[in-house]
Amino acid sequence: MIAYKTKGTCAREIDFEVEGNTVTGVKFVGGCMGNTQGVAKLVEGMDINEVINRLEGIQCGVKGTSCPDQLSKALKAYLENK
């Protein structure tokens, strides 16, 4: 699992796995449990670029980001560093 420290959300960290270009596992540490578990289950098995495109820019209230948006940032950082 790759760990990503979030910024501006209730979730403190996102742990994820990628095989090839497919997201194979996601776990949020903290945050709204039902919502973060739902997002994690929905993106498992998806192409990493599709996940980024769908989740990037989603906002939670006035925070300027959200747990899904932070997942897109984590995946983008992964792609940039691989």
PDB file of N, CA and C in Angstrom:
ATOM      1  N   MET A   1       0.845  -1.194   0.000  1.00  0.00           N
ATOM      2  CA  MET A   1       0.000   0.000   0.000  1.00  0.00           C
ATOM      3  C   MET A   1       0.883   1.248   0.000  1.00  0.00           C
ATOM      4  N   ILE A   2       0.442   2.239  -0.722  1.00  0.00           N
ATOM      5  CA  ILE A   2       1.106   3.534  -0.777  1.00  0.00           C
ATOM      6  C   ILE A   2       0.315   4.478   0.116  1.00  0.00           C
ATOM      7  N   ALA A   3       0.989   5.228   0.953  1.00  0.00           N
ATOM      8  CA  ALA A   3       0.326   6.148   1.882  1.00  0.00           C
ATOM      9  C   ALA A   3       0.444   7.577   1.364  1.00  0.00           C
ATOM     10  N   TYR A   4      -0.674   8.307   1.419  1.00  0.00           N
ATOM     11  CA  TYR A   4      -0.714   9.712   1.020  1.00  0.00           C
ATOM     12  C   TYR A   4      -1.329  10.509   2.162  1.00  0.00           C
ATOM     13  N   LYS A   5      -0.611  11.499   2.668  1.00  0.00           N
ATOM     14  CA  LYS A   5      -1.112  12.372   3.732  1.00  0.00           C
ATOM     15  C   LYS A   5      -2.004  13.433   3.104  1.00  0.00           C
ATOM     16  N   THR A   6      -3.249  13.487   3.533  1.00  0.00           N
ATOM     17  CA  THR A   6      -4.211  14.427   2.959  1.00  0.00           C
ATOM     18  C   THR A   6      -4.033  15.824   3.537  1.00  0.00           C
ATOM     19  N   LYS A   7      -4.617  16.795   2.846  1.00  0.00           N
ATOM     20  CA  LYS A   7      -4.591  18.183   3.289  1.00  0.00           C
ATOM     21  C   LYS A   7      -5.994  18.756   3.175  1.00  0.00           C
ATOM     22  N   GLY A   8      -6.520  19.308   4.269  1.00  0.00           N
ATOM     23  CA  GLY A   8      -7.800  20.006   4.225  1.00  0.00           C
ATOM     24  C   GLY A   8      -9.032  19.133   4.349  1.00  0.00           C
ATOM     25  N   THR A   9      -8.868  17.871   4.755  1.00  0.00           N
ATOM     26  CA  THR A   9     -10.032  16.989   4.897  1.00  0.00           C
ATOM     27  C   THR A   9     -10.034  16.322   6.266  1.00  0.00           C
ATOM     28  N   CYS A  10     -11.159  15.738   6.608  1.00  0.00           N
ATOM     29  CA  CYS A  10     -11.273  14.991   7.866  1.00  0.00           C
ATOM     30  C   CYS A  10     -10.414  13.730   7.830  1.00  0.00           C
ATOM     31  N   ALA A  11     -10.346  13.089   6.674  1.00  0.00           N
ATOM     32  CA  ALA A  11      -9.461  11.935   6.530  1.00  0.00           C
ATOM     33  C   ALA A  11      -8.021  12.421   6.631  1.00  0.00           C
ATOM     34  N   ARG A  12      -7.204  11.717   7.402  1.00  0.00           N
ATOM     35  CA  ARG A  12      -5.810  12.116   7.607  1.00  0.00           C
ATOM     36  C   ARG A  12      -4.858  11.521   6.572  1.00  0.00           C
ATOM     37  N   GLU A  13      -5.264  10.388   6.012  1.00  0.00           N
ATOM     38  CA  GLU A  13      -4.385   9.658   5.111  1.00  0.00           C
ATOM     39  C   GLU A  13      -5.224   8.796   4.185  1.00  0.00           C
ATOM     40  N   ILE A  14      -4.678   8.536   3.009  1.00  0.00           N
ATOM     41  CA  ILE A  14      -5.289   7.590   2.070  1.00  0.00           C
ATOM     42  C   ILE A  14      -4.219   6.565   1.719  1.00  0.00           C
ATOM     43  N   ASP A  15      -4.530   5.305   1.931  1.00  0.00           N
ATOM     44  CA  ASP A  15      -3.644   4.209   1.543  1.00  0.00           C
ATOM     45  C   ASP A  15      -4.245   3.567   0.296  1.00  0.00           C
ATOM     46  N   PHE A  16      -3.416   3.350  -0.714  1.00  0.00           N
ATOM     47  CA  PHE A  16      -3.956   2.789  -1.958  1.00  0.00           C
ATOM     48  C   PHE A  16      -2.942   1.884  -2.635  1.00  0.00           C
ATOM     49  N   GLU A  17      -3.461   1.045  -3.525  1.00  0.00           N
ATOM     50  CA  GLU A  17      -2.642   0.142  -4.336  1.00  0.00           C
ATOM     51  C   GLU A  17      -3.038   0.298  -5.799  1.00  0.00           C
ATOM     52  N   VAL A  18      -2.038   0.214  -6.655  1.00  0.00           N
ATOM     53  CA  VAL A  18      -2.261   0.284  -8.097  1.00  0.00           C
ATOM     54  C   VAL A  18      -1.470  -0.847  -8.742  1.00  0.00           C
ATOM     55  N   GLU A  19      -2.105  -1.575  -9.642  1.00  0.00           N
ATOM     56  CA  GLU A  19      -1.429  -2.606 -10.431  1.00  0.00           C
ATOM     57  C   GLU A  19      -1.603  -2.240 -11.893  1.00  0.00           C
ATOM     58  N   GLY A  20      -0.483  -2.012 -12.567  1.00  0.00           N
ATOM     59  CA  GLY A  20      -0.566  -1.519 -13.939  1.00  0.00           C
ATOM     60  C   GLY A  20      -1.178  -0.134 -13.903  1.00  0.00           C
ATOM     61  N   ASN A  21      -2.308   0.045 -14.547  1.00  0.00           N
ATOM     62  CA  ASN A  21      -3.044   1.313 -14.499  1.00  0.00           C
ATOM     63  C   ASN A  21      -4.370   1.160 -13.771  1.00  0.00           C
ATOM     64  N   THR A  22      -4.512   0.110 -12.980  1.00  0.00           N
ATOM     65  CA  THR A  22      -5.770  -0.174 -12.298  1.00  0.00           C
ATOM     66  C   THR A  22      -5.634   0.040 -10.798  1.00  0.00           C
ATOM     67  N   VAL A  23      -6.577   0.788 -10.232  1.00  0.00           N
ATOM     68  CA  VAL A  23      -6.631   0.974  -8.788  1.00  0.00           C
ATOM     69  C   VAL A  23      -7.179  -0.321  -8.197  1.00  0.00           C
ATOM     70  N   THR A  24      -6.403  -0.963  -7.331  1.00  0.00           N
ATOM     71  CA  THR A  24      -6.815  -2.267  -6.804  1.00  0.00           C
ATOM     72  C   THR A  24      -7.228  -2.229  -5.339  1.00  0.00           C
ATOM     73  N   GLY A  25      -6.944  -1.143  -4.654  1.00  0.00           N
ATOM     74  CA  GLY A  25      -7.340  -1.042  -3.259  1.00  0.00           C
ATOM     75  C   GLY A  25      -7.219   0.382  -2.761  1.00  0.00           C
ATOM     76  N   VAL A  26      -8.166   0.810  -1.929  1.00  0.00           N
ATOM     77  CA  VAL A  26      -8.143   2.144  -1.334  1.00  0.00           C
ATOM     78  C   VAL A  26      -8.672   2.040   0.088  1.00  0.00           C
ATOM     79  N   LYS A  27      -7.990   2.711   1.020  1.00  0.00           N
ATOM     80  CA  LYS A  27      -8.449   2.780   2.398  1.00  0.00           C
ATOM     81  C   LYS A  27      -8.196   4.193   2.919  1.00  0.00           C
ATOM     82  N   PHE A  28      -9.246   4.848   3.388  1.00  0.00           N
ATOM     83  CA  PHE A  28      -9.132   6.168   3.995  1.00  0.00           C
ATOM     84  C   PHE A  28      -8.938   5.988   5.496  1.00  0.00           C
ATOM     85  N   VAL A  29      -8.043   6.776   6.080  1.00  0.00           N
ATOM     86  CA  VAL A  29      -7.818   6.779   7.520  1.00  0.00           C
ATOM     87  C   VAL A  29      -8.484   8.040   8.062  1.00  0.00           C
ATOM     88  N   GLY A  30      -9.573   7.857   8.786  1.00  0.00           N
ATOM     89  CA  GLY A  30     -10.370   8.988   9.262  1.00  0.00           C
ATOM     90  C   GLY A  30     -11.410   9.363   8.218  1.00  0.00           C
ATOM     91  N   GLY A  31     -12.107  10.446   8.477  1.00  0.00           N
ATOM     92  CA  GLY A  31     -13.138  10.897   7.549  1.00  0.00           C
ATOM     93  C   GLY A  31     -14.483  10.270   7.844  1.00  0.00           C
ATOM     94  N   CYS A  32     -15.441  10.541   7.005  1.00  0.00           N
ATOM     95  CA  CYS A  32     -16.802  10.014   7.140  1.00  0.00           C
ATOM     96  C   CYS A  32     -16.802   8.566   6.646  1.00  0.00           C
ATOM     97  N   MET A  33     -16.840   7.639   7.576  1.00  0.00           N
ATOM     98  CA  MET A  33     -16.621   6.230   7.264  1.00  0.00           C
ATOM     99  C   MET A  33     -17.487   5.698   6.114  1.00  0.00           C
ATOM    100  N   GLY A  34     -18.765   5.969   6.152  1.00  0.00           N
ATOM    101  CA  GLY A  34     -19.642   5.455   5.101  1.00  0.00           C
ATOM    102  C   GLY A  34     -19.289   6.016   3.736  1.00  0.00           C
ATOM    103  N   ASN A  35     -19.041   7.319   3.675  1.00  0.00           N
ATOM    104  CA  ASN A  35     -18.703   7.946   2.397  1.00  0.00           C
ATOM    105  C   ASN A  35     -17.358   7.479   1.864  1.00  0.00           C
ATOM    106  N   THR A  36     -16.355   7.425   2.744  1.00  0.00           N
ATOM    107  CA  THR A  36     -15.034   7.034   2.269  1.00  0.00           C
ATOM    108  C   THR A  36     -14.987   5.557   1.876  1.00  0.00           C
ATOM    109  N   GLN A  37     -15.713   4.710   2.598  1.00  0.00           N
ATOM    110  CA  GLN A  37     -15.777   3.296   2.202  1.00  0.00           C
ATOM    111  C   GLN A  37     -16.483   3.153   0.866  1.00  0.00           C
ATOM    112  N   GLY A  38     -17.523   3.955   0.653  1.00  0.00           N
ATOM    113  CA  GLY A  38     -18.243   3.912  -0.616  1.00  0.00           C
ATOM    114  C   GLY A  38     -17.359   4.326  -1.781  1.00  0.00           C
ATOM    115  N   VAL A  39     -16.628   5.419  -1.611  1.00  0.00           N
ATOM    116  CA  VAL A  39     -15.718   5.881  -2.664  1.00  0.00           C
ATOM    117  C   VAL A  39     -14.672   4.802  -2.938  1.00  0.00           C
ATOM    118  N   ALA A  40     -14.108   4.232  -1.878  1.00  0.00           N
ATOM    119  CA  ALA A  40     -13.081   3.206  -2.041  1.00  0.00           C
ATOM    120  C   ALA A  40     -13.606   2.021  -2.855  1.00  0.00           C
ATOM    121  N   LYS A  41     -14.791   1.540  -2.539  1.00  0.00           N
ATOM    122  CA  LYS A  41     -15.365   0.395  -3.258  1.00  0.00           C
ATOM    123  C   LYS A  41     -15.678   0.737  -4.711  1.00  0.00           C
ATOM    124  N   LEU A  42     -16.154   1.963  -4.940  1.00  0.00           N
ATOM    125  CA  LEU A  42     -16.515   2.364  -6.302  1.00  0.00           C
ATOM    126  C   LEU A  42     -15.311   2.457  -7.236  1.00  0.00           C
ATOM    127  N   VAL A  43     -14.157   2.879  -6.721  1.00  0.00           N
ATOM    128  CA  VAL A  43     -13.007   3.073  -7.598  1.00  0.00           C
ATOM    129  C   VAL A  43     -12.157   1.817  -7.770  1.00  0.00           C
ATOM    130  N   GLU A  44     -12.326   0.826  -6.911  1.00  0.00           N
ATOM    131  CA  GLU A  44     -11.548  -0.410  -7.064  1.00  0.00           C
ATOM    132  C   GLU A  44     -11.863  -1.058  -8.408  1.00  0.00           C
ATOM    133  N   GLY A  45     -10.811  -1.393  -9.131  1.00  0.00           N
ATOM    134  CA  GLY A  45     -10.963  -1.998 -10.448  1.00  0.00           C
ATOM    135  C   GLY A  45     -11.019  -0.997 -11.584  1.00  0.00           C
ATOM    136  N   MET A  46     -11.021   0.291 -11.264  1.00  0.00           N
ATOM    137  CA  MET A  46     -11.082   1.334 -12.295  1.00  0.00           C
ATOM    138  C   MET A  46      -9.689   1.731 -12.769  1.00  0.00           C
ATOM    139  N   ASP A  47      -9.624   2.226 -13.988  1.00  0.00           N
ATOM    140  CA  ASP A  47      -8.399   2.795 -14.533  1.00  0.00           C
ATOM    141  C   ASP A  47      -8.028   4.038 -13.725  1.00  0.00           C
ATOM    142  N   ILE A  48      -6.764   4.195 -13.394  1.00  0.00           N
ATOM    143  CA  ILE A  48      -6.309   5.290 -12.553  1.00  0.00           C
ATOM    144  C   ILE A  48      -6.659   6.658 -13.141  1.00  0.00           C
ATOM    145  N   ASN A  49      -6.551   6.809 -14.458  1.00  0.00           N
ATOM    146  CA  ASN A  49      -6.868   8.094 -15.088  1.00  0.00           C
ATOM    147  C   ASN A  49      -8.358   8.400 -15.039  1.00  0.00           C
ATOM    148  N   GLU A  50      -9.178   7.381 -15.139  1.00  0.00           N
ATOM    149  CA  GLU A  50     -10.627   7.564 -15.029  1.00  0.00           C
ATOM    150  C   GLU A  50     -11.000   8.016 -13.617  1.00  0.00           C
ATOM    151  N   VAL A  51     -10.371   7.433 -12.605  1.00  0.00           N
ATOM    152  CA  VAL A  51     -10.629   7.836 -11.220  1.00  0.00           C
ATOM    153  C   VAL A  51     -10.258   9.301 -11.035  1.00  0.00           C
ATOM    154  N   ILE A  52      -9.084   9.684 -11.520  1.00  0.00           N
ATOM    155  CA  ILE A  52      -8.642  11.081 -11.407  1.00  0.00           C
ATOM    156  C   ILE A  52      -9.639  12.001 -12.086  1.00  0.00           C
ATOM    157  N   ASN A  53     -10.029  11.689 -13.307  1.00  0.00           N
ATOM    158  CA  ASN A  53     -10.963  12.543 -14.060  1.00  0.00           C
ATOM    159  C   ASN A  53     -12.311  12.693 -13.364  1.00  0.00           C
ATOM    160  N   ARG A  54     -12.802  11.641 -12.751  1.00  0.00           N
ATOM    161  CA  ARG A  54     -14.113  11.691 -12.112  1.00  0.00           C
ATOM    162  C   ARG A  54     -14.093  12.405 -10.764  1.00  0.00           C
ATOM    163  N   LEU A  55     -12.998  12.285 -10.012  1.00  0.00           N
ATOM    164  CA  LEU A  55     -12.977  12.792  -8.634  1.00  0.00           C
ATOM    165  C   LEU A  55     -12.314  14.160  -8.472  1.00  0.00           C
ATOM    166  N   GLU A  56     -11.461  14.525  -9.404  1.00  0.00           N
ATOM    167  CA  GLU A  56     -10.725  15.779  -9.284  1.00  0.00           C
ATOM    168  C   GLU A  56     -11.666  16.983  -9.228  1.00  0.00           C
ATOM    169  N   GLY A  57     -11.445  17.834  -8.243  1.00  0.00           N
ATOM    170  CA  GLY A  57     -12.206  19.073  -8.134  1.00  0.00           C
ATOM    171  C   GLY A  57     -13.461  18.994  -7.285  1.00  0.00           C
ATOM    172  N   ILE A  58     -13.841  17.805  -6.818  1.00  0.00           N
ATOM    173  CA  ILE A  58     -15.007  17.693  -5.948  1.00  0.00           C
ATOM    174  C   ILE A  58     -14.698  18.401  -4.635  1.00  0.00           C
ATOM    175  N   GLN A  59     -15.636  19.235  -4.177  1.00  0.00           N
ATOM    176  CA  GLN A  59     -15.412  19.997  -2.948  1.00  0.00           C
ATOM    177  C   GLN A  59     -16.386  19.586  -1.858  1.00  0.00           C
ATOM    178  N   CYS A  60     -15.926  19.684  -0.629  1.00  0.00           N
ATOM    179  CA  CYS A  60     -16.738  19.414   0.556  1.00  0.00           C
ATOM    180  C   CYS A  60     -16.944  20.753   1.260  1.00  0.00           C
ATOM    181  N   GLY A  61     -18.119  21.329   1.095  1.00  0.00           N
ATOM    182  CA  GLY A  61     -18.392  22.626   1.713  1.00  0.00           C
ATOM    183  C   GLY A  61     -17.447  23.686   1.183  1.00  0.00           C
ATOM    184  N   VAL A  62     -16.893  24.471   2.096  1.00  0.00           N
ATOM    185  CA  VAL A  62     -16.003  25.577   1.705  1.00  0.00           C
ATOM    186  C   VAL A  62     -14.524  25.215   1.860  1.00  0.00           C
ATOM    187  N   LYS A  63     -14.228  23.947   2.018  1.00  0.00           N
ATOM    188  CA  LYS A  63     -12.852  23.498   2.253  1.00  0.00           C
ATOM    189  C   LYS A  63     -11.949  23.645   1.028  1.00  0.00           C
ATOM    190  N   GLY A  64     -12.532  23.699  -0.156  1.00  0.00           N
ATOM    191  CA  GLY A  64     -11.730  23.772  -1.373  1.00  0.00           C
ATOM    192  C   GLY A  64     -11.208  22.426  -1.839  1.00  0.00           C
ATOM    193  N   THR A  65     -11.546  21.372  -1.119  1.00  0.00           N
ATOM    194  CA  THR A  65     -11.149  20.012  -1.475  1.00  0.00           C
ATOM    195  C   THR A  65     -12.138  19.056  -0.817  1.00  0.00           C
ATOM    196  N   SER A  66     -11.900  17.772  -0.958  1.00  0.00           N
ATOM    197  CA  SER A  66     -12.742  16.738  -0.349  1.00  0.00           C
ATOM    198  C   SER A  66     -11.934  15.453  -0.302  1.00  0.00           C
ATOM    199  N   CYS A  67     -12.457  14.445   0.345  1.00  0.00           N
ATOM    200  CA  CYS A  67     -11.769  13.153   0.363  1.00  0.00           C
ATOM    201  C   CYS A  67     -11.621  12.590  -1.059  1.00  0.00           C
ATOM    202  N   PRO A  68     -12.667  12.617  -1.908  1.00  0.00           N
ATOM    203  CA  PRO A  68     -12.480  12.149  -3.283  1.00  0.00           C
ATOM    204  C   PRO A  68     -11.438  12.977  -4.047  1.00  0.00           C
ATOM    205  N   ASP A  69     -11.458  14.299  -3.873  1.00  0.00           N
ATOM    206  CA  ASP A  69     -10.477  15.162  -4.526  1.00  0.00           C
ATOM    207  C   ASP A  69      -9.064  14.821  -4.048  1.00  0.00           C
ATOM    208  N   GLN A  70      -8.904  14.559  -2.755  1.00  0.00           N
ATOM    209  CA  GLN A  70      -7.595  14.186  -2.225  1.00  0.00           C
ATOM    210  C   GLN A  70      -7.134  12.848  -2.802  1.00  0.00           C
ATOM    211  N   LEU A  71      -8.057  11.927  -3.037  1.00  0.00           N
ATOM    212  CA  LEU A  71      -7.691  10.665  -3.684  1.00  0.00           C
ATOM    213  C   LEU A  71      -7.178  10.939  -5.094  1.00  0.00           C
ATOM    214  N   SER A  72      -7.824  11.836  -5.826  1.00  0.00           N
ATOM    215  CA  SER A  72      -7.336  12.166  -7.167  1.00  0.00           C
ATOM    216  C   SER A  72      -5.934  12.767  -7.094  1.00  0.00           C
ATOM    217  N   LYS A  73      -5.673  13.600  -6.096  1.00  0.00           N
ATOM    218  CA  LYS A  73      -4.342  14.192  -5.923  1.00  0.00           C
ATOM    219  C   LYS A  73      -3.310  13.115  -5.574  1.00  0.00           C
ATOM    220  N   ALA A  74      -3.697  12.159  -4.752  1.00  0.00           N
ATOM    221  CA  ALA A  74      -2.800  11.057  -4.393  1.00  0.00           C
ATOM    222  C   ALA A  74      -2.429  10.244  -5.630  1.00  0.00           C
ATOM    223  N   LEU A  75      -3.419   9.955  -6.455  1.00  0.00           N
ATOM    224  CA  LEU A  75      -3.174   9.157  -7.657  1.00  0.00           C
ATOM    225  C   LEU A  75      -2.339   9.927  -8.675  1.00  0.00           C
ATOM    226  N   LYS A  76      -2.571  11.239  -8.796  1.00  0.00           N
ATOM    227  CA  LYS A  76      -1.753  12.058  -9.691  1.00  0.00           C
ATOM    228  C   LYS A  76      -0.303  12.077  -9.229  1.00  0.00           C
ATOM    229  N   ALA A  77      -0.096  12.227  -7.910  1.00  0.00           N
ATOM    230  CA  ALA A  77       1.262  12.224  -7.351  1.00  0.00           C
ATOM    231  C   ALA A  77       1.936  10.885  -7.630  1.00  0.00           C
ATOM    232  N   TYR A  78       1.180   9.801  -7.490  1.00  0.00           N
ATOM    233  CA  TYR A  78       1.702   8.460  -7.786  1.00  0.00           C
ATOM    234  C   TYR A  78       2.182   8.382  -9.236  1.00  0.00           C
ATOM    235  N   LEU A  79       1.353   8.845 -10.173  1.00  0.00           N
ATOM    236  CA  LEU A  79       1.719   8.796 -11.590  1.00  0.00           C
ATOM    237  C   LEU A  79       2.949   9.635 -11.883  1.00  0.00           C
ATOM    238  N   GLU A  80       3.053  10.789 -11.240  1.00  0.00           N
ATOM    239  CA  GLU A  80       4.199  11.677 -11.466  1.00  0.00           C
ATOM    240  C   GLU A  80       5.489  11.098 -10.927  1.00  0.00           C
ATOM    241  N   ASN A  81       5.402  10.263  -9.902  1.00  0.00           N
ATOM    242  CA  ASN A  81       6.605   9.725  -9.255  1.00  0.00           C
ATOM    243  C   ASN A  81       6.969   8.309  -9.659  1.00  0.00           C
ATOM    244  N   LYS A  82       6.159   7.688 -10.525  1.00  0.00           N
ATOM    245  CA  LYS A  82       6.471   6.288 -10.860  1.00  0.00           C
ATOM    246  C   LYS A  82       7.435   6.181 -11.994  1.00  0.00           C
TER     247      LYS A  82
END
